[in-house]
Amino acid sequence: MKEADTLFLLHFRHEWSDEIPDEILDDNFFQEQREHKCRKGWFYGVRTRLYNVMESEHISDVPPFVTQFMKMVGSEEFAQKERTTAEDIALGNQVMDYFLENYV
């Protein structure tokens, strides 16, 4: 995996908060507490980066939870979902851990 991809995943994995605040956070870039994993932008960013890594590194044999995450975030149901859950975040963390442990 390229260094830029590794740094991206490390940042999104460890620098963004797993906390889900009571209030719904919009995607306002200038909002004070913007680095929360509960934001859909976090999920879309992780999915897009992982898709690009899988394409560029020719990675196709992945565990089922990776496929589950990619399908979930790409679904219309996810797009329409009002709030993400702790389980959604845990799955995203698991997927990033897998890539960081196996492709760095």
Protein backbone atom coordinates (compact mmCIF):
# COMPACT_ATOMS: atom_id res chain seq x y z
CA MET A 1 0.00 0.00 0.00
CA LYS A 2 1.29 3.47 -0.82
CA GLU A 3 2.47 5.69 2.02
CA ALA A 4 -0.30 8.24 1.37
CA ASP A 5 -2.93 5.49 1.72
CA THR A 6 -1.33 4.24 4.93
CA LEU A 7 -1.23 7.75 6.41
CA PHE A 8 -4.86 8.35 5.41
CA LEU A 9 -6.02 5.12 7.07
CA LEU A 10 -3.94 5.75 10.19
CA HIS A 11 -5.42 9.25 10.50
CA PHE A 12 -9.00 8.13 9.91
CA ARG A 13 -8.55 5.16 12.26
CA HIS A 14 -6.81 6.82 15.20
CA GLU A 15 -7.39 10.59 14.97
CA TRP A 16 -11.16 10.58 14.46
CA SER A 17 -13.37 10.01 17.49
CA ASP A 18 -15.54 6.90 17.92
CA GLU A 19 -17.90 8.98 20.08
CA ILE A 20 -21.43 9.49 18.81
CA PRO A 21 -22.66 12.85 20.17
CA ASP A 22 -26.32 13.25 21.11
CA GLU A 23 -26.81 15.96 18.49
CA ILE A 24 -26.64 15.08 14.82
CA LEU A 25 -23.45 16.42 13.27
CA ASP A 26 -23.83 17.80 9.78
CA ASP A 27 -20.97 17.81 7.30
CA ASN A 28 -20.06 21.45 7.95
CA PHE A 29 -16.30 21.56 7.44
CA PHE A 30 -15.92 24.43 9.87
CA GLN A 31 -17.88 22.81 12.68
CA GLU A 32 -15.77 22.61 15.84
CA GLN A 33 -16.12 18.87 16.39
CA ARG A 34 -15.87 17.68 12.82
CA GLU A 35 -13.61 14.63 13.25
CA HIS A 36 -16.20 12.15 14.46
CA LYS A 37 -16.48 8.76 12.77
CA CYS A 38 -20.27 8.92 13.02
CA ARG A 39 -20.30 11.31 10.06
CA LYS A 40 -21.23 9.69 6.80
CA GLY A 41 -18.36 11.57 5.18
CA TRP A 42 -15.98 9.45 7.27
CA PHE A 43 -17.55 6.26 5.94
CA TYR A 44 -17.53 7.46 2.34
CA GLY A 45 -13.91 8.60 2.64
CA VAL A 46 -12.78 5.26 4.07
CA ARG A 47 -14.74 3.27 1.49
CA THR A 48 -13.39 5.31 -1.43
CA ARG A 49 -9.79 5.06 -0.23
CA LEU A 50 -10.08 1.30 0.35
CA TYR A 51 -11.70 0.79 -3.04
CA ASN A 52 -8.80 2.63 -4.68
CA VAL A 53 -6.24 0.61 -2.68
CA MET A 54 -7.93 -2.65 -3.67
CA GLU A 55 -7.92 -1.62 -7.33
CA SER A 56 -4.34 -0.35 -7.45
CA GLU A 57 -2.91 -3.24 -5.42
CA HIS A 58 -5.08 -5.87 -7.16
CA ILE A 59 -6.58 -7.03 -3.86
CA SER A 60 -9.65 -9.16 -4.37
CA ASP A 61 -9.42 -11.90 -1.74
CA VAL A 62 -10.68 -10.15 1.39
CA PRO A 63 -12.56 -11.38 4.46
CA PRO A 64 -16.37 -11.19 4.38
CA PHE A 65 -16.45 -8.24 6.79
CA VAL A 66 -14.57 -6.12 4.24
CA THR A 67 -17.13 -6.93 1.56
CA GLN A 68 -19.92 -6.27 4.07
CA PHE A 69 -18.52 -2.80 4.85
CA MET A 70 -18.03 -1.89 1.19
CA LYS A 71 -21.59 -2.96 0.29
CA MET A 72 -23.12 -1.33 3.35
CA VAL A 73 -21.55 2.08 2.75
CA GLY A 74 -22.36 1.93 -0.96
CA SER A 75 -26.02 1.09 -0.40
CA GLU A 76 -29.00 3.39 -0.80
CA GLU A 77 -30.17 2.23 2.63
CA PHE A 78 -26.99 3.63 4.19
CA ALA A 79 -27.35 6.88 2.25
CA GLN A 80 -30.88 7.31 3.63
CA LYS A 81 -29.98 6.29 7.17
CA GLU A 82 -30.51 9.15 9.61
CA ARG A 83 -27.72 8.15 12.02
CA THR A 84 -24.81 5.78 11.93
CA THR A 85 -24.31 3.39 14.84
CA ALA A 86 -21.48 2.22 17.06
CA GLU A 87 -21.66 -1.09 15.18
CA ASP A 88 -21.16 0.71 11.86
CA ILE A 89 -18.09 2.46 13.28
CA ALA A 90 -16.73 -0.77 14.76
CA LEU A 91 -17.00 -2.44 11.35
CA GLY A 92 -15.17 0.45 9.71
CA ASN A 93 -12.43 0.23 12.34
CA GLN A 94 -12.15 -3.52 11.83
CA VAL A 95 -11.77 -3.07 8.07
CA MET A 96 -9.08 -0.40 8.45
CA ASP A 97 -7.22 -2.54 11.01
CA TYR A 98 -7.26 -5.42 8.53
CA PHE A 99 -5.70 -3.32 5.77
CA LEU A 100 -3.16 -1.71 8.11
CA GLU A 101 -2.12 -5.11 9.50
CA ASN A 102 -1.96 -6.94 6.17
CA TYR A 103 -0.92 -4.44 3.49
CA VAL A 104 1.55 -2.03 5.12
